Amino acid sequence: MVSSSEVSLLLHGWADAGRRLRVIAREGIFDFSAYCLVRDVNEAGVTLQIGEDSLNLISLDFRDFFFEFTDAPPDDDKLGVPGRIESGVLGLRGERSIWFFLLRE
């Protein structure tokens, strides 16, 4: 298991390096999948910039999530980046899930 503070540090590192992510978030009928940059992160959650426009933002609250390192789901057609995943973190809380995938440079 990975703590939310460790996930925050990891996301900070990816943000500082300007690394692109593929993020998938699912909750009930909501299903979000996008290429993103980390704009802001703390132990409560993360704000992501979607695409090149700095005004396209989404914030995800990951308090009370349980995290673990993961590989890309092999059957996920929304991921759209076969062979381009460097590493990943999966967060789960009940029916909610968040995947953060670091893309290869």
Protein backbone atom coordinates (compact mmCIF):
# COMPACT_ATOMS: atom_id res chain seq x y z
CA MET A 1 0.00 0.00 0.00
CA VAL A 2 1.12 3.56 -0.78
CA SER A 3 0.03 6.47 1.44
CA SER A 4 -1.68 9.58 0.05
CA SER A 5 1.31 11.65 1.22
CA GLU A 6 3.61 9.40 -0.85
CA VAL A 7 1.28 9.79 -3.85
CA SER A 8 1.40 13.56 -3.34
CA LEU A 9 5.22 13.49 -3.37
CA LEU A 10 5.24 11.31 -6.47
CA LEU A 11 2.83 13.64 -8.30
CA HIS A 12 4.91 16.66 -7.19
CA GLY A 13 7.96 15.03 -8.74
CA TRP A 14 6.15 14.35 -11.99
CA ALA A 15 4.87 17.97 -12.01
CA ASP A 16 8.34 19.41 -11.35
CA ALA A 17 9.70 17.35 -14.24
CA GLY A 18 6.85 18.50 -16.54
CA ARG A 19 5.85 14.91 -17.23
CA ARG A 20 2.61 14.04 -19.03
CA LEU A 21 0.13 11.66 -17.46
CA ARG A 22 -2.81 9.63 -18.60
CA VAL A 23 -5.44 9.85 -15.85
CA ILE A 24 -8.59 7.75 -15.50
CA ALA A 25 -11.16 8.46 -12.80
CA ARG A 26 -14.36 6.47 -12.32
CA GLU A 27 -17.24 6.95 -9.92
CA GLY A 28 -20.66 5.46 -10.60
CA ILE A 29 -21.88 6.86 -13.91
CA PHE A 30 -18.89 9.25 -14.18
CA ASP A 31 -15.93 8.08 -16.30
CA PHE A 32 -13.08 10.53 -17.00
CA SER A 33 -10.01 9.78 -19.12
CA ALA A 34 -7.51 12.38 -20.39
CA TYR A 35 -3.90 13.33 -21.02
CA CYS A 36 -2.91 15.75 -18.26
CA LEU A 37 -0.20 17.71 -16.51
CA VAL A 38 -0.19 18.11 -12.73
CA ARG A 39 -0.99 21.76 -11.97
CA ASP A 40 -1.24 21.55 -8.17
CA VAL A 41 -1.14 18.75 -5.61
CA ASN A 42 -1.41 18.32 -1.85
CA GLU A 43 -2.32 15.45 0.48
CA ALA A 44 -6.04 16.03 -0.13
CA GLY A 45 -5.98 15.84 -3.90
CA VAL A 46 -4.67 17.04 -7.22
CA THR A 47 -5.57 19.64 -9.86
CA LEU A 48 -4.83 18.55 -13.42
CA GLN A 49 -4.42 20.62 -16.56
CA ILE A 50 -6.08 18.91 -19.50
CA GLY A 51 -4.37 19.46 -22.85
CA GLU A 52 -2.43 22.58 -23.75
CA ASP A 53 -4.95 25.18 -22.55
CA SER A 54 -4.09 26.17 -18.98
CA LEU A 55 -7.77 26.99 -18.33
CA ASN A 56 -8.92 23.38 -18.81
CA LEU A 57 -8.64 22.02 -15.28
CA ILE A 58 -10.14 19.24 -13.19
CA SER A 59 -9.58 18.63 -9.48
CA LEU A 60 -9.70 15.17 -7.93
CA ASP A 61 -10.06 14.66 -4.18
CA PHE A 62 -8.19 11.55 -3.09
CA ARG A 63 -8.69 11.70 0.66
CA ASP A 64 -9.51 8.28 2.15
CA PHE A 65 -8.31 6.45 -0.98
CA PHE A 66 -6.11 3.38 -0.71
CA PHE A 67 -3.22 3.49 -3.21
CA GLU A 68 -0.93 0.92 -4.77
CA PHE A 69 1.50 0.85 -7.66
CA THR A 70 0.01 -0.76 -10.75
CA ASP A 71 0.51 -1.63 -14.39
CA ALA A 72 -1.79 -0.39 -17.13
CA PRO A 73 -5.03 -2.38 -17.30
CA PRO A 74 -4.59 -4.65 -20.35
CA ASP A 75 -8.24 -4.49 -21.41
CA ASP A 76 -8.87 -0.76 -21.00
CA ASP A 77 -9.69 0.71 -24.41
CA LYS A 78 -9.98 4.24 -22.96
CA LEU A 79 -6.30 4.28 -22.03
CA GLY A 80 -5.16 4.53 -25.65
CA VAL A 81 -1.42 4.40 -24.95
CA PRO A 82 -0.28 0.78 -25.44
CA GLY A 83 3.38 0.37 -24.54
CA ARG A 84 3.75 4.01 -23.46
CA ILE A 85 3.22 3.60 -19.72
CA GLU A 86 6.33 4.05 -17.56
CA SER A 87 4.65 3.57 -14.17
CA GLY A 88 1.26 3.87 -12.54
CA VAL A 89 -0.59 4.37 -9.29
CA LEU A 90 -4.11 3.13 -8.61
CA GLY A 91 -6.33 4.67 -5.92
CA LEU A 92 -9.49 2.93 -4.68
CA ARG A 93 -12.28 4.04 -2.36
CA GLY A 94 -15.49 2.01 -2.48
CA GLU A 95 -16.83 2.25 -6.05
CA ARG A 96 -14.42 5.08 -6.90
CA SER A 97 -11.11 4.61 -8.68
CA ILE A 98 -8.32 6.86 -9.93
CA TRP A 99 -5.41 5.74 -12.09
CA PHE A 100 -2.37 7.99 -12.61
CA PHE A 101 -0.13 6.71 -15.43
CA LEU A 102 3.22 8.33 -16.16
CA LEU A 103 3.84 8.34 -19.91
CA ARG A 104 7.25 7.47 -21.36
CA GLU A 105 9.16 10.42 -22.74
